[in-house]
Amino acid sequence: MTKLLSHLRALNEKLAIAAGLLLLLSVCVTLYDVIARPFGASLGGTDELSGYAMAIVASWGVSYALTGLAHVRIDIVRARGGSAVRAWFDAVSILSLAAVALAVAYRAWPVLEKSISNGSTANTTLETPLWIPQTLWMAGWVWFAVSAVAMAGAVCLFLITGRNDDIEEYAGSRGEA
């Protein structure tokens, strides 16, 4: 299990870099557009494209936050408890997060399905077929659900076998630095 979680963490780090590159590309395109406007060379639609980039980056970024132990928690009780108390709080936390991730991923499909069935396009000059950014957005939420469920399964296994240190490492809280 620890090997699986280590691979999951490494993969999510690579996906975070890809998301960061998408965000950087969005910034560069927007910067070019702002500089080019006075010269009549505006690209147009940069606000729309940057909105898509933000949605895609956010949906993929939550998986990195999950495996990087960056999700915010109020953990005053957890921090004062022993190893077993922290393990149980971490288990409840990851199980709750996995349930929410599954719900969000499940509810993302009707949004995409409706855009596909209606042939929806953006109400802008670009007329972007909405299924394109929505597919990438939904894929990020599905990956988050997969990551969260894998972590929840591992944490439950660690809890059953008394491996509290592994729970701390892979699903604990970083706390204040």
N, C-alpha and C. Protein backbone atom coordinates (compact mmCIF):
# COMPACT_ATOMS: atom_id res chain seq x y z
N MET A 1 0.81 -1.20 0.00
CA MET A 1 0.00 0.00 0.00
C MET A 1 0.85 1.27 0.00
N THR A 2 1.93 1.25 0.77
CA THR A 2 2.77 2.45 0.82
C THR A 2 3.38 2.75 -0.55
N LYS A 3 3.70 1.70 -1.28
CA LYS A 3 4.25 1.88 -2.64
C LYS A 3 3.20 2.53 -3.55
N LEU A 4 1.96 2.06 -3.45
CA LEU A 4 0.87 2.63 -4.25
C LEU A 4 0.68 4.11 -3.91
N LEU A 5 0.67 4.42 -2.62
CA LEU A 5 0.47 5.81 -2.22
C LEU A 5 1.65 6.69 -2.61
N SER A 6 2.85 6.14 -2.58
CA SER A 6 4.03 6.90 -3.03
C SER A 6 3.94 7.18 -4.53
N HIS A 7 3.51 6.20 -5.30
CA HIS A 7 3.33 6.40 -6.74
C HIS A 7 2.22 7.42 -7.02
N LEU A 8 1.15 7.33 -6.25
CA LEU A 8 0.04 8.27 -6.40
C LEU A 8 0.51 9.69 -6.11
N ARG A 9 1.30 9.84 -5.06
CA ARG A 9 1.84 11.16 -4.70
C ARG A 9 2.74 11.68 -5.82
N ALA A 10 3.62 10.82 -6.35
CA ALA A 10 4.53 11.23 -7.42
C ALA A 10 3.77 11.60 -8.69
N LEU A 11 2.75 10.83 -9.03
CA LEU A 11 1.94 11.13 -10.21
C LEU A 11 1.21 12.46 -10.04
N ASN A 12 0.67 12.68 -8.86
CA ASN A 12 -0.03 13.94 -8.62
C ASN A 12 0.91 15.13 -8.65
N GLU A 13 2.16 14.93 -8.28
CA GLU A 13 3.15 16.01 -8.41
C GLU A 13 3.38 16.35 -9.88
N LYS A 14 3.46 15.33 -10.72
CA LYS A 14 3.63 15.56 -12.16
C LYS A 14 2.40 16.25 -12.75
N LEU A 15 1.22 15.83 -12.32
CA LEU A 15 -0.01 16.46 -12.80
C LEU A 15 -0.09 17.91 -12.34
N ALA A 16 0.40 18.20 -11.14
CA ALA A 16 0.42 19.58 -10.64
C ALA A 16 1.36 20.44 -11.49
N ILE A 17 2.47 19.88 -11.90
CA ILE A 17 3.39 20.61 -12.78
C ILE A 17 2.71 20.91 -14.11
N ALA A 18 2.00 19.91 -14.65
CA ALA A 18 1.27 20.12 -15.91
C ALA A 18 0.20 21.21 -15.73
N ALA A 19 -0.50 21.17 -14.61
CA ALA A 19 -1.51 22.20 -14.34
C ALA A 19 -0.86 23.57 -14.22
N GLY A 20 0.29 23.62 -13.56
CA GLY A 20 1.01 24.88 -13.44
C GLY A 20 1.45 25.41 -14.79
N LEU A 21 1.88 24.52 -15.66
CA LEU A 21 2.27 24.94 -17.02
C LEU A 21 1.07 25.48 -17.79
N LEU A 22 -0.09 24.85 -17.62
CA LEU A 22 -1.31 25.36 -18.26
C LEU A 22 -1.63 26.76 -17.74
N LEU A 23 -1.49 26.95 -16.45
CA LEU A 23 -1.74 28.26 -15.85
C LEU A 23 -0.73 29.28 -16.38
N LEU A 24 0.54 28.89 -16.48
CA LEU A 24 1.56 29.78 -17.02
C LEU A 24 1.27 30.15 -18.47
N LEU A 25 0.85 29.18 -19.25
CA LEU A 25 0.47 29.45 -20.64
C LEU A 25 -0.69 30.44 -20.70
N SER A 26 -1.67 30.26 -19.83
CA SER A 26 -2.80 31.17 -19.76
C SER A 26 -2.35 32.59 -19.44
N VAL A 27 -1.43 32.72 -18.50
CA VAL A 27 -0.89 34.04 -18.14
C VAL A 27 -0.16 34.65 -19.33
N CYS A 28 0.65 33.87 -20.02
CA CYS A 28 1.40 34.38 -21.18
C CYS A 28 0.47 34.85 -22.29
N VAL A 29 -0.56 34.08 -22.58
CA VAL A 29 -1.52 34.47 -23.61
C VAL A 29 -2.25 35.74 -23.22
N THR A 30 -2.65 35.82 -21.96
CA THR A 30 -3.34 37.02 -21.47
C THR A 30 -2.41 38.23 -21.52
N LEU A 31 -1.18 38.06 -21.10
CA LEU A 31 -0.20 39.15 -21.14
C LEU A 31 0.02 39.64 -22.57
N TYR A 32 0.19 38.70 -23.49
CA TYR A 32 0.34 39.07 -24.90
C TYR A 32 -0.87 39.86 -25.37
N ASP A 33 -2.05 39.39 -25.02
CA ASP A 33 -3.28 40.05 -25.46
C ASP A 33 -3.37 41.47 -24.92
N VAL A 34 -3.03 41.67 -23.67
CA VAL A 34 -3.09 43.00 -23.06
C VAL A 34 -2.09 43.94 -23.74
N ILE A 35 -0.88 43.44 -23.99
CA ILE A 35 0.14 44.27 -24.64
C ILE A 35 -0.22 44.55 -26.10
N ALA A 36 -0.83 43.59 -26.78
CA ALA A 36 -1.14 43.74 -28.21
C ALA A 36 -2.39 44.58 -28.49
N ARG A 37 -3.26 44.76 -27.50
CA ARG A 37 -4.50 45.52 -27.73
C ARG A 37 -4.28 46.93 -28.28
N PRO A 38 -3.35 47.72 -27.73
CA PRO A 38 -3.17 49.07 -28.27
C PRO A 38 -2.72 49.09 -29.73
N PHE A 39 -2.17 48.00 -30.19
CA PHE A 39 -1.69 47.91 -31.56
C PHE A 39 -2.69 47.23 -32.49
N GLY A 40 -3.88 46.96 -31.97
CA GLY A 40 -4.93 46.34 -32.77
C GLY A 40 -4.69 44.87 -33.07
N ALA A 41 -3.86 44.21 -32.29
CA ALA A 41 -3.54 42.81 -32.55
C ALA A 41 -4.07 41.90 -31.43
N SER A 42 -5.17 42.28 -30.86
CA SER A 42 -5.74 41.48 -29.76
C SER A 42 -6.18 40.11 -30.26
N LEU A 43 -5.94 39.13 -29.43
CA LEU A 43 -6.36 37.77 -29.78
C LEU A 43 -7.86 37.60 -29.60
N GLY A 44 -8.39 38.22 -28.57
CA GLY A 44 -9.81 38.05 -28.26
C GLY A 44 -10.05 36.70 -27.60
N GLY A 45 -10.93 36.69 -26.63
CA GLY A 45 -11.29 35.44 -25.98
C GLY A 45 -10.36 34.98 -24.89
N THR A 46 -9.37 35.82 -24.54
CA THR A 46 -8.43 35.38 -23.51
C THR A 46 -9.10 35.23 -22.15
N ASP A 47 -10.11 36.03 -21.89
CA ASP A 47 -10.83 35.89 -20.61
C ASP A 47 -11.55 34.55 -20.56
N GLU A 48 -12.11 34.14 -21.68
CA GLU A 48 -12.79 32.85 -21.75
C GLU A 48 -11.79 31.70 -21.57
N LEU A 49 -10.69 31.76 -22.28
CA LEU A 49 -9.69 30.70 -22.20
C LEU A 49 -9.06 30.62 -20.82
N SER A 50 -8.81 31.77 -20.21
CA SER A 50 -8.22 31.74 -18.86
C SER A 50 -9.23 31.20 -17.85
N GLY A 51 -10.52 31.44 -18.06
CA GLY A 51 -11.54 30.85 -17.19
C GLY A 51 -11.55 29.33 -17.29
N TYR A 52 -11.42 28.83 -18.51
CA TYR A 52 -11.35 27.38 -18.69
C TYR A 52 -10.10 26.83 -18.01
N ALA A 53 -8.99 27.52 -18.19
CA ALA A 53 -7.73 27.07 -17.58
C ALA A 53 -7.86 27.03 -16.06
N MET A 54 -8.47 28.04 -15.47
CA MET A 54 -8.63 28.06 -14.02
C MET A 54 -9.49 26.89 -13.53
N ALA A 55 -10.57 26.60 -14.22
CA ALA A 55 -11.44 25.49 -13.83
C ALA A 55 -10.71 24.15 -13.94
N ILE A 56 -9.95 23.99 -15.01
CA ILE A 56 -9.21 22.75 -15.22
C ILE A 56 -8.11 22.60 -14.18
N VAL A 57 -7.37 23.66 -13.95
CA VAL A 57 -6.27 23.63 -12.96
C VAL A 57 -6.82 23.34 -11.57
N ALA A 58 -7.94 23.96 -11.22
CA ALA A 58 -8.52 23.73 -9.89
C ALA A 58 -8.94 22.28 -9.72
N SER A 59 -9.60 21.71 -10.73
CA SER A 59 -10.09 20.34 -10.58
C SER A 59 -8.95 19.33 -10.51
N TRP A 60 -7.86 19.58 -11.21
CA TRP A 60 -6.71 18.68 -11.14
C TRP A 60 -5.83 18.96 -9.93
N GLY A 61 -5.82 20.21 -9.48
CA GLY A 61 -4.96 20.59 -8.37
C GLY A 61 -5.37 20.02 -7.02
N VAL A 62 -6.65 19.74 -6.85
CA VAL A 62 -7.09 19.21 -5.55
C VAL A 62 -6.48 17.84 -5.26
N SER A 63 -6.17 17.07 -6.27
CA SER A 63 -5.53 15.76 -6.05
C SER A 63 -4.11 15.95 -5.54
N TYR A 64 -3.42 16.93 -6.06
CA TYR A 64 -2.08 17.23 -5.56
C TYR A 64 -2.15 17.70 -4.11
N ALA A 65 -3.11 18.55 -3.81
CA ALA A 65 -3.29 19.01 -2.44
C ALA A 65 -3.59 17.83 -1.51
N LEU A 66 -4.37 16.89 -2.00
CA LEU A 66 -4.71 15.71 -1.20
C LEU A 66 -3.47 14.90 -0.86
N THR A 67 -2.69 14.53 -1.85
CA THR A 67 -1.53 13.68 -1.60
C THR A 67 -0.36 14.46 -1.00
N GLY A 68 -0.39 15.78 -1.12
CA GLY A 68 0.64 16.61 -0.51
C GLY A 68 0.27 17.07 0.89
N LEU A 69 -0.83 16.55 1.42
CA LEU A 69 -1.32 16.87 2.76
C LEU A 69 -1.56 18.37 2.94
N ALA A 70 -2.08 19.00 1.90
CA ALA A 70 -2.27 20.45 1.93
C ALA A 70 -3.72 20.86 2.15
N HIS A 71 -4.64 19.91 2.27
CA HIS A 71 -6.03 20.28 2.52
C HIS A 71 -6.15 20.85 3.93
N VAL A 72 -6.94 21.88 4.05
CA VAL A 72 -7.10 22.56 5.33
C VAL A 72 -7.98 21.73 6.25
N ARG A 73 -7.55 21.62 7.52
CA ARG A 73 -8.33 20.94 8.54
C ARG A 73 -8.26 21.75 9.83
N ILE A 74 -9.31 21.64 10.60
CA ILE A 74 -9.30 22.19 11.94
C ILE A 74 -8.98 21.01 12.84
N ASP A 75 -7.76 20.97 13.32
CA ASP A 75 -7.30 19.74 13.97
C ASP A 75 -6.77 19.95 15.39
N ILE A 76 -7.40 20.83 16.14
CA ILE A 76 -6.92 21.09 17.51
C ILE A 76 -7.02 19.84 18.38
N VAL A 77 -8.12 19.08 18.25
CA VAL A 77 -8.28 17.86 19.04
C VAL A 77 -7.30 16.80 18.53
N ARG A 78 -7.20 16.68 17.21
CA ARG A 78 -6.29 15.70 16.62
C ARG A 78 -4.86 15.95 17.07
N ALA A 79 -4.44 17.20 17.04
CA ALA A 79 -3.06 17.54 17.38
C ALA A 79 -2.72 17.22 18.83
N ARG A 80 -3.70 17.25 19.71
CA ARG A 80 -3.45 16.99 21.14
C ARG A 80 -3.59 15.51 21.50
N GLY A 81 -4.08 14.71 20.56
CA GLY A 81 -4.28 13.29 20.83
C GLY A 81 -3.04 12.48 20.55
N GLY A 82 -3.07 11.24 20.98
CA GLY A 82 -1.98 10.32 20.71
C GLY A 82 -2.06 9.77 19.30
N SER A 83 -1.21 8.84 19.02
CA SER A 83 -1.12 8.25 17.69
C SER A 83 -2.45 7.63 17.24
N ALA A 84 -3.11 6.92 18.12
CA ALA A 84 -4.38 6.26 17.77
C ALA A 84 -5.48 7.29 17.51
N VAL A 85 -5.53 8.33 18.32
CA VAL A 85 -6.54 9.39 18.13
C VAL A 85 -6.31 10.08 16.79
N ARG A 86 -5.05 10.41 16.51
CA ARG A 86 -4.75 11.06 15.22
C ARG A 86 -5.12 10.15 14.06
N ALA A 87 -4.84 8.86 14.19
CA ALA A 87 -5.15 7.91 13.12
C ALA A 87 -6.66 7.88 12.85
N TRP A 88 -7.46 7.85 13.90
CA TRP A 88 -8.91 7.83 13.72
C TRP A 88 -9.42 9.13 13.11
N PHE A 89 -8.90 10.26 13.55
CA PHE A 89 -9.30 11.54 12.96
C PHE A 89 -8.90 11.59 11.48
N ASP A 90 -7.72 11.11 11.16
CA ASP A 90 -7.27 11.09 9.77
C ASP A 90 -8.14 10.17 8.92
N ALA A 91 -8.54 9.04 9.49
CA ALA A 91 -9.41 8.11 8.77
C ALA A 91 -10.77 8.73 8.49
N VAL A 92 -11.34 9.37 9.49
CA VAL A 92 -12.64 10.04 9.29
C VAL A 92 -12.50 11.15 8.25
N SER A 93 -11.40 11.88 8.33
CA SER A 93 -11.15 12.97 7.40
C SER A 93 -11.06 12.47 5.96
N ILE A 94 -10.25 11.45 5.72
CA ILE A 94 -10.07 10.96 4.36
C ILE A 94 -11.33 10.28 3.83
N LEU A 95 -12.04 9.57 4.70
CA LEU A 95 -13.30 8.95 4.26
C LEU A 95 -14.33 10.03 3.89
N SER A 96 -14.39 11.09 4.67
CA SER A 96 -15.31 12.19 4.35
C SER A 96 -14.92 12.86 3.04
N LEU A 97 -13.63 13.09 2.87
CA LEU A 97 -13.15 13.72 1.65
C LEU A 97 -13.42 12.83 0.43
N ALA A 98 -13.22 11.53 0.59
CA ALA A 98 -13.50 10.61 -0.52
C ALA A 98 -14.98 10.63 -0.89
N ALA A 99 -15.85 10.70 0.11
CA ALA A 99 -17.28 10.76 -0.17
C ALA A 99 -17.64 12.03 -0.93
N VAL A 100 -17.07 13.14 -0.53
CA VAL A 100 -17.33 14.41 -1.23
C VAL A 100 -16.76 14.36 -2.64
N ALA A 101 -15.55 13.83 -2.80
CA ALA A 101 -14.94 13.73 -4.12
C ALA A 101 -15.78 12.87 -5.06
N LEU A 102 -16.30 11.76 -4.55
CA LEU A 102 -17.17 10.91 -5.36
C LEU A 102 -18.44 11.64 -5.76
N ALA A 103 -19.02 12.39 -4.83
CA ALA A 103 -20.25 13.13 -5.14
C ALA A 103 -20.00 14.20 -6.20
N VAL A 104 -18.90 14.93 -6.08
CA VAL A 104 -18.59 15.98 -7.06
C VAL A 104 -18.32 15.35 -8.43
N ALA A 105 -17.54 14.28 -8.47
CA ALA A 105 -17.24 13.62 -9.75
C ALA A 105 -18.52 13.08 -10.39
N TYR A 106 -19.38 12.51 -9.57
CA TYR A 106 -20.65 11.97 -10.07
C TYR A 106 -21.53 13.08 -10.64
N ARG A 107 -21.57 14.23 -9.99
CA ARG A 107 -22.43 15.34 -10.43
C ARG A 107 -21.81 16.12 -11.60
N ALA A 108 -20.53 15.91 -11.88
CA ALA A 108 -19.90 16.59 -13.01
C ALA A 108 -20.38 16.01 -14.34
N TRP A 109 -20.69 14.72 -14.36
CA TRP A 109 -21.11 14.09 -15.61
C TRP A 109 -22.37 14.72 -16.20
N PRO A 110 -23.44 14.97 -15.44
CA PRO A 110 -24.62 15.58 -16.06
C PRO A 110 -24.33 16.93 -16.73
N VAL A 111 -23.39 17.67 -16.20
CA VAL A 111 -23.02 18.96 -16.80
C VAL A 111 -22.43 18.70 -18.18
N LEU A 112 -21.47 17.80 -18.26
CA LEU A 112 -20.84 17.47 -19.53
C LEU A 112 -21.83 16.81 -20.49
N GLU A 113 -22.62 15.90 -19.99
CA GLU A 113 -23.59 15.18 -20.84
C GLU A 113 -24.58 16.14 -21.48
N LYS A 114 -25.03 17.13 -20.72
CA LYS A 114 -25.99 18.10 -21.25
C LYS A 114 -25.35 18.95 -22.35
N SER A 115 -24.09 19.33 -22.15
CA SER A 115 -23.39 20.10 -23.18
C SER A 115 -23.20 19.29 -24.45
N ILE A 116 -22.89 18.01 -24.28
CA ILE A 116 -22.71 17.15 -25.46
C ILE A 116 -24.04 16.96 -26.20
N SER A 117 -25.09 16.63 -25.45
CA SER A 117 -26.38 16.35 -26.10
C SER A 117 -26.99 17.60 -26.75
N ASN A 118 -26.72 18.77 -26.17
CA ASN A 118 -27.26 20.01 -26.75
C ASN A 118 -26.33 20.64 -27.77
N GLY A 119 -25.12 20.11 -27.90
CA GLY A 119 -24.14 20.74 -28.79
C GLY A 119 -23.82 22.15 -28.33
N SER A 120 -23.76 22.35 -27.03
CA SER A 120 -23.57 23.69 -26.46
C SER A 120 -22.21 24.28 -26.81
N THR A 121 -22.25 25.56 -27.10
CA THR A 121 -21.03 26.32 -27.32
C THR A 121 -21.05 27.54 -26.42
N ALA A 122 -19.88 28.11 -26.20
CA ALA A 122 -19.78 29.31 -25.37
C ALA A 122 -20.48 30.46 -26.06
N ASN A 123 -21.09 31.32 -25.29
CA ASN A 123 -21.79 32.49 -25.81
C ASN A 123 -20.79 33.63 -25.97
N THR A 124 -19.75 33.36 -26.75
CA THR A 124 -18.68 34.32 -26.98
C THR A 124 -18.31 34.29 -28.45
N THR A 125 -17.38 35.15 -28.83
CA THR A 125 -16.93 35.17 -30.22
C THR A 125 -16.18 33.88 -30.59
N LEU A 126 -15.57 33.23 -29.62
CA LEU A 126 -14.86 31.97 -29.91
C LEU A 126 -15.82 30.81 -30.15
N GLU A 127 -17.00 30.88 -29.57
CA GLU A 127 -17.99 29.80 -29.68
C GLU A 127 -17.37 28.43 -29.41
N THR A 128 -16.61 28.36 -28.34
CA THR A 128 -15.94 27.11 -27.96
C THR A 128 -16.96 26.02 -27.67
N PRO A 129 -16.83 24.86 -28.30
CA PRO A 129 -17.70 23.75 -27.90
C PRO A 129 -17.43 23.41 -26.43
N LEU A 130 -18.42 23.52 -25.59
CA LEU A 130 -18.22 23.41 -24.15
C LEU A 130 -17.78 22.03 -23.70
N TRP A 131 -18.01 21.01 -24.52
CA TRP A 131 -17.59 19.68 -24.11
C TRP A 131 -16.07 19.57 -23.98
N ILE A 132 -15.33 20.42 -24.69
CA ILE A 132 -13.86 20.34 -24.64
C ILE A 132 -13.34 20.74 -23.25
N PRO A 133 -13.59 21.97 -22.79
CA PRO A 133 -13.08 22.29 -21.45
C PRO A 133 -13.77 21.49 -20.34
N GLN A 134 -15.04 21.18 -20.54
CA GLN A 134 -15.77 20.43 -19.51
C GLN A 134 -15.25 19.01 -19.37
N THR A 135 -14.77 18.41 -20.43
CA THR A 135 -14.20 17.06 -20.35
C THR A 135 -12.92 17.08 -19.51
N LEU A 136 -12.08 18.07 -19.75
CA LEU A 136 -10.84 18.19 -18.96
C LEU A 136 -11.15 18.53 -17.51
N TRP A 137 -12.14 19.37 -17.29
CA TRP A 137 -12.57 19.73 -15.93
C TRP A 137 -13.11 18.50 -15.20
N MET A 138 -14.00 17.76 -15.85
CA MET A 138 -14.58 16.58 -15.22
C MET A 138 -13.52 15.51 -14.97
N ALA A 139 -12.59 15.34 -15.90
CA ALA A 139 -11.53 14.35 -15.71
C ALA A 139 -10.72 14.65 -14.45
N GLY A 140 -10.50 15.92 -14.17
CA GLY A 140 -9.80 16.29 -12.94
C GLY A 140 -10.56 15.87 -11.70
N TRP A 141 -11.88 16.08 -11.70
CA TRP A 141 -12.69 15.67 -10.55
C TRP A 141 -12.75 14.16 -10.41
N VAL A 142 -12.80 13.46 -11.53
CA VAL A 142 -12.80 11.99 -11.48
C VAL A 142 -11.46 11.49 -10.92
N TRP A 143 -10.37 12.11 -11.36
CA TRP A 143 -9.06 11.71 -10.84
C TRP A 143 -8.96 12.00 -9.34
N PHE A 144 -9.53 13.11 -8.90
CA PHE A 144 -9.56 13.42 -7.48
C PHE A 144 -10.32 12.34 -6.72
N ALA A 145 -11.45 11.90 -7.26
CA ALA A 145 -12.23 10.84 -6.60
C ALA A 145 -11.44 9.54 -6.55
N VAL A 146 -10.77 9.20 -7.64
CA VAL A 146 -9.95 7.98 -7.67
C VAL A 146 -8.83 8.07 -6.63
N SER A 147 -8.15 9.21 -6.59
CA SER A 147 -7.07 9.41 -5.63
C SER A 147 -7.58 9.32 -4.19
N ALA A 148 -8.71 9.97 -3.92
CA ALA A 148 -9.26 9.99 -2.56
C ALA A 148 -9.73 8.60 -2.13
N VAL A 149 -10.36 7.87 -3.03
CA VAL A 149 -10.82 6.52 -2.70
C VAL A 149 -9.63 5.59 -2.47
N ALA A 150 -8.59 5.72 -3.28
CA ALA A 150 -7.39 4.90 -3.08
C ALA A 150 -6.76 5.21 -1.72
N MET A 151 -6.68 6.48 -1.39
CA MET A 151 -6.12 6.85 -0.08
C MET A 151 -7.01 6.37 1.06
N ALA A 152 -8.32 6.48 0.90
CA ALA A 152 -9.25 6.03 1.95
C ALA A 152 -9.11 4.53 2.17
N GLY A 153 -9.01 3.78 1.08
CA GLY A 153 -8.83 2.34 1.21
C GLY A 153 -7.54 1.99 1.93
N ALA A 154 -6.47 2.68 1.56
CA ALA A 154 -5.18 2.43 2.21
C ALA A 154 -5.24 2.80 3.69
N VAL A 155 -5.86 3.93 4.01
CA VAL A 155 -5.95 4.35 5.41
C VAL A 155 -6.77 3.35 6.22
N CYS A 156 -7.84 2.85 5.66
CA CYS A 156 -8.64 1.84 6.37
C CYS A 156 -7.82 0.59 6.62
N LEU A 157 -7.05 0.16 5.63
CA LEU A 157 -6.18 -1.00 5.80
C LEU A 157 -5.11 -0.73 6.87
N PHE A 158 -4.52 0.45 6.83
CA PHE A 158 -3.54 0.82 7.85
C PHE A 158 -4.17 0.85 9.24
N LEU A 159 -5.38 1.35 9.32
CA LEU A 159 -6.07 1.44 10.61
C LEU A 159 -6.33 0.05 11.18
N ILE A 160 -6.79 -0.86 10.33
CA ILE A 160 -7.07 -2.23 10.76
C ILE A 160 -5.81 -2.94 11.23
N THR A 161 -4.69 -2.66 10.55
CA THR A 161 -3.43 -3.34 10.90
C THR A 161 -2.59 -2.56 11.91
N GLY A 162 -3.12 -1.44 12.40
CA GLY A 162 -2.42 -0.67 13.43
C GLY A 162 -1.20 0.09 12.95
N ARG A 163 -1.17 0.43 11.68
CA ARG A 163 -0.03 1.15 11.10
C ARG A 163 -0.27 2.66 11.16
N ASN A 164 -0.33 3.17 12.36
CA ASN A 164 -0.65 4.59 12.57
C ASN A 164 0.40 5.53 11.96
N ASP A 165 1.65 5.12 11.96
CA ASP A 165 2.70 5.96 11.37
C ASP A 165 2.48 6.14 9.87
N ASP A 166 2.02 5.08 9.19
CA ASP A 166 1.73 5.18 7.76
C ASP A 166 0.53 6.10 7.52
N ILE A 167 -0.45 6.04 8.38
CA ILE A 167 -1.60 6.95 8.26
C ILE A 167 -1.12 8.38 8.39
N GLU A 168 -0.28 8.62 9.38
CA GLU A 168 0.27 9.97 9.60
C GLU A 168 1.01 10.47 8.36
N GLU A 169 1.82 9.59 7.76
CA GLU A 169 2.63 10.01 6.62
C GLU A 169 1.80 10.30 5.38
N TYR A 170 0.79 9.47 5.11
CA TYR A 170 0.06 9.58 3.84
C TYR A 170 -1.27 10.32 3.93
N ALA A 171 -1.83 10.43 5.12
CA ALA A 171 -3.14 11.09 5.23
C ALA A 171 -3.22 12.02 6.43
N GLY A 172 -2.10 12.27 7.07
CA GLY A 172 -2.08 13.13 8.23
C GLY A 172 -2.21 14.59 7.86
N SER A 173 -1.91 15.41 8.83
CA SER A 173 -1.97 16.85 8.63
C SER A 173 -0.57 17.40 8.77
N ARG A 174 -0.20 18.26 7.85
CA ARG A 174 1.13 18.86 7.90
C ARG A 174 1.27 19.79 9.09
N GLY A 175 0.18 20.39 9.49
CA GLY A 175 0.23 21.33 10.61
C GLY A 175 0.91 22.62 10.18
N GLU A 176 1.23 23.44 11.14
CA GLU A 176 1.88 24.71 10.84
C GLU A 176 3.36 24.49 10.66
N ALA A 177 3.91 25.20 9.69
CA ALA A 177 5.33 25.06 9.41
C ALA A 177 6.16 26.05 10.19
